[in-house]
Amino acid sequence: MRTRPAGRIARAALLTVLYLFLLAPILVVFVESFDDSPFLRFPPEGFTLDAYRQVFANADFRAGVQVSAVTAAVTTLLALLTGVPAALALTRTRFRGRAAVESAFLSPLLVPHIVLGLALLVLFAPIPLTDTYWGLILAHLGVTVPYVVRTVSAALAGADPRAEEAARTLGAGRLTVLRRVTLPAALPGLVSGAVIAFLLSFDETVISLFVSGQDTRPLPVAVLQYVEYRSDPSIAALSVCLVLLSVLAVLVVERSLGLRRSLRA
C-alpha cells in the first residue's frame, strides 16, 4: 500500500519531464519572439513586439500566407471530395482488389516527401504545372488524401451499419441514407481529416520546394528562403503565430465535436 503513492508520484514526475521535453522548444521560441536583438539569441536580453510587427509588415510573408491559405483550402476541399467516396467504397462494399485499392490510397504515406517532390517536378515540368496554384494543389493532394481516407474509414468502421439498413427498410433512398445516416456517423472522422489535411497542406515544405516558384511561393518556402540570409526574432514570432493557428484548429474540433471523439475516429 505504501508503494502506490510513490508510484503515482514517479509517474507524474515522468510525465512532467516528458511534457517539458516536448514543450521546451516551443517555450524557447515563444520567449525568443519578444527579444529586441537583431539576431536570434537565448536567453533574450530585452522585450519588444517589433518582431511581430515585422512579420505583418513583411510582403513576402503576407504573400506566402495567401498562397498557403488558398492552396490548403482548395486541397482540403478536393481531399474530402476524393477521400470520402473512397472511404465509403472501402468500408461499405466488398469487391475484388479492395486491399490493393486501399494500399494504393495509403501508399503516399510510405514514400519520403523528397522522393515525391522530385517525381512531381519531373511530371509537372513538361505540362507545365510548376509555379502554379494547381500544381501545388495536386502535389498536396497526394499527401492529404490518405489521411482523409484513413480517418473517415475509421469513423465508418465504428458506426453500426444496421442503422443504414434500417433506414433503407423504412423506405429511405440511397442519397437520403447517405445524407441523414452515413455522413453524420462519419462526421468526427470527416472533420478531423479536414483539419489534418488543411494543416498538412499549409505546412508542407519539401514537396512545395520542388513545384513552387516565384509567383506561387507558399509560406514555408518563403520562410526557408528568408533564413538563408538572415536570422532574427521575426522568425520566432512567425513560428508562434503558426503554433497558435494549430492550437486554434484543435480548439475548433474540441468545441464542435469533442477532441476525444474525433481522435477516436
C-alpha atoms as a PDB file:
ATOM      1  CA  MET A   1       0.000   0.000   0.000  1.00  0.00           C
ATOM      2  CA  ARG A   2       2.850   2.407   0.718  1.00  0.00           C
ATOM      3  CA  THR A   3       4.329   1.914  -2.740  1.00  0.00           C
ATOM      4  CA  ARG A   4       1.214   3.151  -4.560  1.00  0.00           C
ATOM      5  CA  PRO A   5       1.597   6.847  -3.718  1.00  0.00           C
ATOM      6  CA  ALA A   6       5.286   6.627  -4.569  1.00  0.00           C
ATOM      7  CA  GLY A   7       4.452   5.007  -7.891  1.00  0.00           C
ATOM      8  CA  ARG A   8       1.933   7.717  -8.696  1.00  0.00           C
ATOM      9  CA  ILE A   9       4.438  10.419  -7.854  1.00  0.00           C
ATOM     10  CA  ALA A  10       7.047   8.741 -10.049  1.00  0.00           C
ATOM     11  CA  ARG A  11       4.601   8.508 -12.980  1.00  0.00           C
ATOM     12  CA  ALA A  12       3.559  12.130 -12.503  1.00  0.00           C
ATOM     13  CA  ALA A  13       7.204  13.213 -12.416  1.00  0.00           C
ATOM     14  CA  LEU A  14       7.972  11.197 -15.559  1.00  0.00           C
ATOM     15  CA  LEU A  15       5.007  12.703 -17.406  1.00  0.00           C
ATOM     16  CA  THR A  16       6.050  16.182 -16.310  1.00  0.00           C
ATOM     17  CA  VAL A  17       9.577  15.635 -17.617  1.00  0.00           C
ATOM     18  CA  LEU A  18       8.244  14.288 -20.915  1.00  0.00           C
ATOM     19  CA  TYR A  19       5.880  17.225 -21.377  1.00  0.00           C
ATOM     20  CA  LEU A  20       8.646  19.695 -20.574  1.00  0.00           C
ATOM     21  CA  PHE A  21      10.918  17.930 -23.067  1.00  0.00           C
ATOM     22  CA  LEU A  22       8.264  18.209 -25.781  1.00  0.00           C
ATOM     23  CA  LEU A  23       7.236  21.770 -24.975  1.00  0.00           C
ATOM     24  CA  ALA A  24      10.703  23.197 -24.280  1.00  0.00           C
ATOM     25  CA  PRO A  25      11.437  24.116 -27.947  1.00  0.00           C
ATOM     26  CA  ILE A  26       8.074  25.889 -28.243  1.00  0.00           C
ATOM     27  CA  LEU A  27       8.670  27.772 -24.980  1.00  0.00           C
ATOM     28  CA  VAL A  28      12.133  28.848 -26.153  1.00  0.00           C
ATOM     29  CA  VAL A  29      10.726  30.096 -29.471  1.00  0.00           C
ATOM     30  CA  PHE A  30       7.916  31.909 -27.659  1.00  0.00           C
ATOM     31  CA  VAL A  31      10.332  33.718 -25.346  1.00  0.00           C
ATOM     32  CA  GLU A  32      12.734  34.490 -28.196  1.00  0.00           C
ATOM     33  CA  SER A  33       9.956  36.112 -30.244  1.00  0.00           C
ATOM     34  CA  PHE A  34       9.912  39.063 -27.805  1.00  0.00           C
ATOM     35  CA  ASP A  35      13.659  39.743 -27.924  1.00  0.00           C
ATOM     36  CA  ASP A  36      14.822  43.155 -29.119  1.00  0.00           C
ATOM     37  CA  SER A  37      18.027  41.819 -30.690  1.00  0.00           C
ATOM     38  CA  PRO A  38      18.537  41.973 -34.498  1.00  0.00           C
ATOM     39  CA  PHE A  39      19.569  38.303 -34.421  1.00  0.00           C
ATOM     40  CA  LEU A  40      18.485  35.160 -32.600  1.00  0.00           C
ATOM     41  CA  ARG A  41      19.943  34.648 -29.153  1.00  0.00           C
ATOM     42  CA  PHE A  42      18.932  32.915 -25.963  1.00  0.00           C
ATOM     43  CA  PRO A  43      18.267  33.955 -23.326  1.00  0.00           C
ATOM     44  CA  PRO A  44      16.865  37.270 -24.594  1.00  0.00           C
ATOM     45  CA  GLU A  45      18.100  40.478 -23.008  1.00  0.00           C
ATOM     46  CA  GLY A  46      15.181  42.772 -23.847  1.00  0.00           C
ATOM     47  CA  PHE A  47      11.453  42.837 -24.508  1.00  0.00           C
ATOM     48  CA  THR A  48       9.682  44.231 -27.564  1.00  0.00           C
ATOM     49  CA  LEU A  49       6.866  43.468 -30.000  1.00  0.00           C
ATOM     50  CA  ASP A  50       8.858  44.622 -33.019  1.00  0.00           C
ATOM     51  CA  ALA A  51       9.301  41.068 -34.277  1.00  0.00           C
ATOM     52  CA  TYR A  52       5.531  40.637 -34.626  1.00  0.00           C
ATOM     53  CA  ARG A  53       5.277  43.997 -36.396  1.00  0.00           C
ATOM     54  CA  GLN A  54       7.986  42.879 -38.805  1.00  0.00           C
ATOM     55  CA  VAL A  55       6.101  39.665 -39.560  1.00  0.00           C
ATOM     56  CA  PHE A  56       2.920  41.510 -40.548  1.00  0.00           C
ATOM     57  CA  ALA A  57       4.903  44.146 -42.453  1.00  0.00           C
ATOM     58  CA  ASN A  58       6.890  41.611 -44.489  1.00  0.00           C
ATOM     59  CA  ALA A  59       5.420  41.446 -48.007  1.00  0.00           C
ATOM     60  CA  ASP A  60       6.923  38.014 -48.708  1.00  0.00           C
ATOM     61  CA  PHE A  61       5.319  36.560 -45.591  1.00  0.00           C
ATOM     62  CA  ARG A  62       1.933  38.084 -46.411  1.00  0.00           C
ATOM     63  CA  ALA A  63       2.082  36.726 -49.957  1.00  0.00           C
ATOM     64  CA  GLY A  64       3.177  33.343 -48.623  1.00  0.00           C
ATOM     65  CA  VAL A  65       0.252  33.218 -46.207  1.00  0.00           C
ATOM     66  CA  GLN A  66      -2.128  33.962 -49.057  1.00  0.00           C
ATOM     67  CA  VAL A  67      -0.669  31.240 -51.273  1.00  0.00           C
ATOM     68  CA  SER A  68      -0.611  28.702 -48.439  1.00  0.00           C
ATOM     69  CA  ALA A  69      -4.158  29.531 -47.302  1.00  0.00           C
ATOM     70  CA  VAL A  70      -5.655  29.280 -50.800  1.00  0.00           C
ATOM     71  CA  THR A  71      -3.722  26.104 -51.560  1.00  0.00           C
ATOM     72  CA  ALA A  72      -4.645  24.483 -48.233  1.00  0.00           C
ATOM     73  CA  ALA A  73      -8.336  25.408 -48.538  1.00  0.00           C
ATOM     74  CA  VAL A  74      -8.724  24.044 -52.067  1.00  0.00           C
ATOM     75  CA  THR A  75      -6.599  20.990 -51.244  1.00  0.00           C
ATOM     76  CA  THR A  76      -8.775  20.225 -48.221  1.00  0.00           C
ATOM     77  CA  LEU A  77     -11.962  20.510 -50.268  1.00  0.00           C
ATOM     78  CA  LEU A  78     -10.644  18.248 -53.028  1.00  0.00           C
ATOM     79  CA  ALA A  79      -9.232  15.797 -50.468  1.00  0.00           C
ATOM     80  CA  LEU A  80     -12.684  15.486 -48.914  1.00  0.00           C
ATOM     81  CA  LEU A  81     -14.355  15.087 -52.308  1.00  0.00           C
ATOM     82  CA  THR A  82     -11.863  12.331 -53.136  1.00  0.00           C
ATOM     83  CA  GLY A  83     -11.304  10.689 -49.772  1.00  0.00           C
ATOM     84  CA  VAL A  84     -14.890  10.438 -48.503  1.00  0.00           C
ATOM     85  CA  PRO A  85     -16.238   8.442 -51.515  1.00  0.00           C
ATOM     86  CA  ALA A  86     -13.114   6.279 -51.396  1.00  0.00           C
ATOM     87  CA  ALA A  87     -13.648   5.582 -47.691  1.00  0.00           C
ATOM     88  CA  LEU A  88     -17.315   4.781 -48.311  1.00  0.00           C
ATOM     89  CA  ALA A  89     -16.384   2.332 -51.063  1.00  0.00           C
ATOM     90  CA  LEU A  90     -13.692   0.677 -48.946  1.00  0.00           C
ATOM     91  CA  THR A  91     -15.858   0.264 -45.847  1.00  0.00           C
ATOM     92  CA  ARG A  92     -19.349  -0.336 -47.254  1.00  0.00           C
ATOM     93  CA  THR A  93     -18.658  -2.509 -50.301  1.00  0.00           C
ATOM     94  CA  ARG A  94     -16.791  -5.722 -50.966  1.00  0.00           C
ATOM     95  CA  PHE A  95     -15.050  -6.108 -54.295  1.00  0.00           C
ATOM     96  CA  ARG A  96     -12.062  -7.891 -55.772  1.00  0.00           C
ATOM     97  CA  GLY A  97      -8.841  -5.986 -55.253  1.00  0.00           C
ATOM     98  CA  ARG A  98     -10.195  -3.973 -52.327  1.00  0.00           C
ATOM     99  CA  ALA A  99      -6.986  -4.435 -50.316  1.00  0.00           C
ATOM    100  CA  ALA A 100      -4.894  -3.293 -53.280  1.00  0.00           C
ATOM    101  CA  VAL A 101      -7.028  -0.164 -53.726  1.00  0.00           C
ATOM    102  CA  GLU A 102      -6.752   0.665 -50.034  1.00  0.00           C
ATOM    103  CA  SER A 103      -2.988   0.183 -50.155  1.00  0.00           C
ATOM    104  CA  ALA A 104      -2.789   2.449 -53.216  1.00  0.00           C
ATOM    105  CA  PHE A 105      -4.617   5.246 -51.376  1.00  0.00           C
ATOM    106  CA  LEU A 106      -2.357   4.942 -48.329  1.00  0.00           C
ATOM    107  CA  SER A 107       0.913   4.321 -50.206  1.00  0.00           C
ATOM    108  CA  PRO A 108       1.991   8.013 -50.390  1.00  0.00           C
ATOM    109  CA  LEU A 109       2.474   7.900 -46.623  1.00  0.00           C
ATOM    110  CA  LEU A 110       5.292   5.390 -47.113  1.00  0.00           C
ATOM    111  CA  VAL A 111       7.240   7.432 -49.684  1.00  0.00           C
ATOM    112  CA  PRO A 112       9.670  10.115 -48.472  1.00  0.00           C
ATOM    113  CA  HIS A 113       8.469  13.590 -49.395  1.00  0.00           C
ATOM    114  CA  ILE A 114      11.724  14.422 -51.139  1.00  0.00           C
ATOM    115  CA  VAL A 115      11.134  11.485 -53.493  1.00  0.00           C
ATOM    116  CA  LEU A 116       7.552  12.583 -54.112  1.00  0.00           C
ATOM    117  CA  GLY A 117       8.702  16.142 -54.730  1.00  0.00           C
ATOM    118  CA  LEU A 118      11.310  15.107 -57.282  1.00  0.00           C
ATOM    119  CA  ALA A 119       8.853  12.800 -59.057  1.00  0.00           C
ATOM    120  CA  LEU A 120       6.229  15.546 -59.202  1.00  0.00           C
ATOM    121  CA  LEU A 121       8.783  18.006 -60.560  1.00  0.00           C
ATOM    122  CA  VAL A 122       9.655  15.616 -63.388  1.00  0.00           C
ATOM    123  CA  LEU A 123       5.937  15.056 -64.052  1.00  0.00           C
ATOM    124  CA  PHE A 124       4.790  18.678 -63.836  1.00  0.00           C
ATOM    125  CA  ALA A 125       7.650  20.447 -65.620  1.00  0.00           C
ATOM    126  CA  PRO A 126       6.689  19.483 -69.208  1.00  0.00           C
ATOM    127  CA  ILE A 127       2.959  20.255 -68.777  1.00  0.00           C
ATOM    128  CA  PRO A 128       3.771  22.858 -67.235  1.00  0.00           C
ATOM    129  CA  LEU A 129       2.270  22.871 -63.732  1.00  0.00           C
ATOM    130  CA  THR A 130       5.270  24.101 -61.759  1.00  0.00           C
ATOM    131  CA  ASP A 131       4.927  27.547 -60.185  1.00  0.00           C
ATOM    132  CA  THR A 132       1.113  27.364 -60.383  1.00  0.00           C
ATOM    133  CA  TYR A 133      -1.651  27.025 -57.815  1.00  0.00           C
ATOM    134  CA  TRP A 134      -2.954  23.856 -59.436  1.00  0.00           C
ATOM    135  CA  GLY A 135       0.495  22.311 -59.349  1.00  0.00           C
ATOM    136  CA  LEU A 136       0.739  22.937 -55.602  1.00  0.00           C
ATOM    137  CA  ILE A 137      -2.808  21.685 -55.017  1.00  0.00           C
ATOM    138  CA  LEU A 138      -2.314  18.458 -56.970  1.00  0.00           C
ATOM    139  CA  ALA A 139       1.016  17.862 -55.247  1.00  0.00           C
ATOM    140  CA  HIS A 140      -0.507  18.364 -51.799  1.00  0.00           C
ATOM    141  CA  LEU A 141      -3.441  16.107 -52.614  1.00  0.00           C
ATOM    142  CA  GLY A 142      -1.088  13.145 -52.729  1.00  0.00           C
ATOM    143  CA  VAL A 143      -0.150  13.570 -49.058  1.00  0.00           C
ATOM    144  CA  THR A 144      -3.529  14.702 -47.690  1.00  0.00           C
ATOM    145  CA  VAL A 145      -5.999  12.268 -49.270  1.00  0.00           C
ATOM    146  CA  PRO A 146      -4.563   9.268 -47.344  1.00  0.00           C
ATOM    147  CA  TYR A 147      -5.324  10.974 -44.024  1.00  0.00           C
ATOM    148  CA  VAL A 148      -8.899  11.737 -45.059  1.00  0.00           C
ATOM    149  CA  VAL A 149      -9.397   8.159 -46.249  1.00  0.00           C
ATOM    150  CA  ARG A 150      -7.956   6.809 -43.013  1.00  0.00           C
ATOM    151  CA  THR A 151      -9.947   8.985 -40.608  1.00  0.00           C
ATOM    152  CA  VAL A 152     -13.262   8.652 -42.450  1.00  0.00           C
ATOM    153  CA  SER A 153     -12.773   4.888 -42.863  1.00  0.00           C
ATOM    154  CA  ALA A 154     -12.120   4.527 -39.140  1.00  0.00           C
ATOM    155  CA  ALA A 155     -15.243   6.540 -38.327  1.00  0.00           C
ATOM    156  CA  LEU A 156     -17.379   4.463 -40.683  1.00  0.00           C
ATOM    157  CA  ALA A 157     -15.926   1.213 -39.361  1.00  0.00           C
ATOM    158  CA  GLY A 158     -17.021   2.237 -35.856  1.00  0.00           C
ATOM    159  CA  ALA A 159     -20.559   3.112 -36.988  1.00  0.00           C
ATOM    160  CA  ASP A 160     -23.318   0.494 -36.880  1.00  0.00           C
ATOM    161  CA  PRO A 161     -24.275  -0.447 -40.478  1.00  0.00           C
ATOM    162  CA  ARG A 162     -27.624  -1.721 -39.191  1.00  0.00           C
ATOM    163  CA  ALA A 163     -28.779   1.897 -38.866  1.00  0.00           C
ATOM    164  CA  GLU A 164     -28.342   2.302 -42.616  1.00  0.00           C
ATOM    165  CA  GLU A 165     -30.134  -0.977 -43.249  1.00  0.00           C
ATOM    166  CA  ALA A 166     -32.992   0.129 -41.024  1.00  0.00           C
ATOM    167  CA  ALA A 167     -33.287   3.422 -42.900  1.00  0.00           C
ATOM    168  CA  ARG A 168     -33.435   1.615 -46.242  1.00  0.00           C
ATOM    169  CA  THR A 169     -36.026  -0.812 -44.831  1.00  0.00           C
ATOM    170  CA  LEU A 170     -38.195   2.159 -43.857  1.00  0.00           C
ATOM    171  CA  GLY A 171     -38.135   3.420 -47.434  1.00  0.00           C
ATOM    172  CA  ALA A 172     -35.267   5.896 -47.470  1.00  0.00           C
ATOM    173  CA  GLY A 173     -33.369   6.174 -50.726  1.00  0.00           C
ATOM    174  CA  ARG A 174     -29.621   5.848 -51.126  1.00  0.00           C
ATOM    175  CA  LEU A 175     -28.986   9.589 -51.104  1.00  0.00           C
ATOM    176  CA  THR A 176     -31.239  10.065 -48.080  1.00  0.00           C
ATOM    177  CA  VAL A 177     -29.435   7.337 -46.170  1.00  0.00           C
ATOM    178  CA  LEU A 178     -26.115   8.855 -47.125  1.00  0.00           C
ATOM    179  CA  ARG A 179     -27.158  12.361 -46.081  1.00  0.00           C
ATOM    180  CA  ARG A 180     -29.132  11.542 -42.938  1.00  0.00           C
ATOM    181  CA  VAL A 181     -27.366   8.450 -41.550  1.00  0.00           C
ATOM    182  CA  THR A 182     -23.967   7.677 -43.071  1.00  0.00           C
ATOM    183  CA  LEU A 183     -22.370  11.123 -43.220  1.00  0.00           C
ATOM    184  CA  PRO A 184     -23.474  12.141 -39.693  1.00  0.00           C
ATOM    185  CA  ALA A 185     -21.917   8.922 -38.404  1.00  0.00           C
ATOM    186  CA  ALA A 186     -18.675   9.767 -40.225  1.00  0.00           C
ATOM    187  CA  LEU A 187     -18.685  13.426 -39.169  1.00  0.00           C
ATOM    188  CA  PRO A 188     -15.943  13.114 -36.491  1.00  0.00           C
ATOM    189  CA  GLY A 189     -13.581  11.458 -38.942  1.00  0.00           C
ATOM    190  CA  LEU A 190     -14.532  13.895 -41.675  1.00  0.00           C
ATOM    191  CA  VAL A 191     -13.810  16.956 -39.529  1.00  0.00           C
ATOM    192  CA  SER A 192     -10.568  15.587 -38.122  1.00  0.00           C
ATOM    193  CA  GLY A 193      -9.443  14.558 -41.620  1.00  0.00           C
ATOM    194  CA  ALA A 194     -10.244  18.043 -42.953  1.00  0.00           C
ATOM    195  CA  VAL A 195      -8.273  19.714 -40.167  1.00  0.00           C
ATOM    196  CA  ILE A 196      -5.301  17.397 -40.687  1.00  0.00           C
ATOM    197  CA  ALA A 197      -5.411  17.943 -44.449  1.00  0.00           C
ATOM    198  CA  PHE A 198      -5.513  21.738 -44.073  1.00  0.00           C
ATOM    199  CA  LEU A 199      -2.640  21.865 -41.588  1.00  0.00           C
ATOM    200  CA  LEU A 200      -0.512  19.437 -43.606  1.00  0.00           C
ATOM    201  CA  SER A 201      -1.028  21.382 -46.815  1.00  0.00           C
ATOM    202  CA  PHE A 202      -0.427  24.737 -45.114  1.00  0.00           C
ATOM    203  CA  ASP A 203       2.798  23.475 -43.533  1.00  0.00           C
ATOM    204  CA  GLU A 204       4.133  21.358 -46.428  1.00  0.00           C
ATOM    205  CA  THR A 205       7.702  22.379 -47.232  1.00  0.00           C
ATOM    206  CA  VAL A 206       9.645  19.657 -49.047  1.00  0.00           C
ATOM    207  CA  ILE A 207       7.187  18.977 -51.878  1.00  0.00           C
ATOM    208  CA  SER A 208       6.430  22.692 -52.213  1.00  0.00           C
ATOM    209  CA  LEU A 209      10.129  23.406 -52.759  1.00  0.00           C
ATOM    210  CA  PHE A 210      10.061  21.308 -55.935  1.00  0.00           C
ATOM    211  CA  VAL A 211       6.798  22.523 -57.504  1.00  0.00           C
ATOM    212  CA  SER A 212       6.550  26.154 -56.341  1.00  0.00           C
ATOM    213  CA  GLY A 213       8.217  29.201 -57.869  1.00  0.00           C
ATOM    214  CA  GLN A 214       8.457  32.950 -57.683  1.00  0.00           C
ATOM    215  CA  ASP A 215       4.764  33.539 -58.447  1.00  0.00           C
ATOM    216  CA  THR A 216       3.323  30.867 -56.158  1.00  0.00           C
ATOM    217  CA  ARG A 217       5.614  30.650 -53.165  1.00  0.00           C
ATOM    218  CA  PRO A 218       3.903  29.224 -50.054  1.00  0.00           C
ATOM    219  CA  LEU A 219       4.776  30.416 -46.586  1.00  0.00           C
ATOM    220  CA  PRO A 220       7.136  27.551 -45.578  1.00  0.00           C
ATOM    221  CA  VAL A 221       9.222  28.143 -48.701  1.00  0.00           C
ATOM    222  CA  ALA A 222       9.249  31.900 -48.070  1.00  0.00           C
ATOM    223  CA  VAL A 223      10.457  31.273 -44.516  1.00  0.00           C
ATOM    224  CA  LEU A 224      13.168  28.897 -45.703  1.00  0.00           C
ATOM    225  CA  GLN A 225      14.439  31.440 -48.226  1.00  0.00           C
ATOM    226  CA  TYR A 226      14.303  34.168 -45.566  1.00  0.00           C
ATOM    227  CA  VAL A 227      16.502  32.292 -43.086  1.00  0.00           C
ATOM    228  CA  GLU A 228      19.104  31.623 -45.778  1.00  0.00           C
ATOM    229  CA  TYR A 229      20.280  35.216 -45.483  1.00  0.00           C
ATOM    230  CA  ARG A 230      19.167  36.397 -42.027  1.00  0.00           C
ATOM    231  CA  SER A 231      18.125  35.048 -38.653  1.00  0.00           C
ATOM    232  CA  ASP A 232      16.176  37.397 -36.408  1.00  0.00           C
ATOM    233  CA  PRO A 233      13.319  37.167 -33.862  1.00  0.00           C
ATOM    234  CA  SER A 234      10.708  37.699 -36.576  1.00  0.00           C
ATOM    235  CA  ILE A 235      11.133  34.027 -37.489  1.00  0.00           C
ATOM    236  CA  ALA A 236      10.358  33.096 -33.883  1.00  0.00           C
ATOM    237  CA  ALA A 237       7.334  35.418 -33.935  1.00  0.00           C
ATOM    238  CA  LEU A 238       6.055  33.810 -37.137  1.00  0.00           C
ATOM    239  CA  SER A 239       6.560  30.360 -35.596  1.00  0.00           C
ATOM    240  CA  VAL A 240       4.482  31.398 -32.587  1.00  0.00           C
ATOM    241  CA  CYS A 241       1.694  32.547 -34.913  1.00  0.00           C
ATOM    242  CA  LEU A 242       1.724  29.189 -36.721  1.00  0.00           C
ATOM    243  CA  VAL A 243       1.621  27.300 -33.420  1.00  0.00           C
ATOM    244  CA  LEU A 244      -1.372  29.390 -32.371  1.00  0.00           C
ATOM    245  CA  LEU A 245      -3.030  28.531 -35.692  1.00  0.00           C
ATOM    246  CA  SER A 246      -2.639  24.820 -34.932  1.00  0.00           C
ATOM    247  CA  VAL A 247      -3.963  25.302 -31.393  1.00  0.00           C
ATOM    248  CA  LEU A 248      -6.947  27.202 -32.790  1.00  0.00           C
ATOM    249  CA  ALA A 249      -7.711  24.313 -35.150  1.00  0.00           C
ATOM    250  CA  VAL A 250      -7.624  21.860 -32.248  1.00  0.00           C
ATOM    251  CA  LEU A 251      -9.932  24.114 -30.221  1.00  0.00           C
ATOM    252  CA  VAL A 252     -12.385  24.291 -33.121  1.00  0.00           C
ATOM    253  CA  VAL A 253     -12.514  20.495 -33.266  1.00  0.00           C
ATOM    254  CA  GLU A 254     -12.856  20.299 -29.489  1.00  0.00           C
ATOM    255  CA  ARG A 255     -15.696  22.815 -29.361  1.00  0.00           C
ATOM    256  CA  SER A 256     -17.584  21.336 -32.312  1.00  0.00           C
ATOM    257  CA  LEU A 257     -17.205  17.592 -31.791  1.00  0.00           C
ATOM    258  CA  GLY A 258     -15.007  16.898 -28.810  1.00  0.00           C
ATOM    259  CA  LEU A 259     -11.326  16.089 -29.246  1.00  0.00           C
ATOM    260  CA  ARG A 260     -11.574  12.561 -27.883  1.00  0.00           C
ATOM    261  CA  ARG A 261     -14.406  11.680 -30.215  1.00  0.00           C
ATOM    262  CA  SER A 262     -12.519  12.985 -33.241  1.00  0.00           C
ATOM    263  CA  LEU A 263      -9.293  11.223 -32.290  1.00  0.00           C
ATOM    264  CA  ARG A 264     -11.209   8.016 -31.657  1.00  0.00           C
ATOM    265  CA  ALA A 265     -12.398   8.251 -35.265  1.00  0.00           C
END
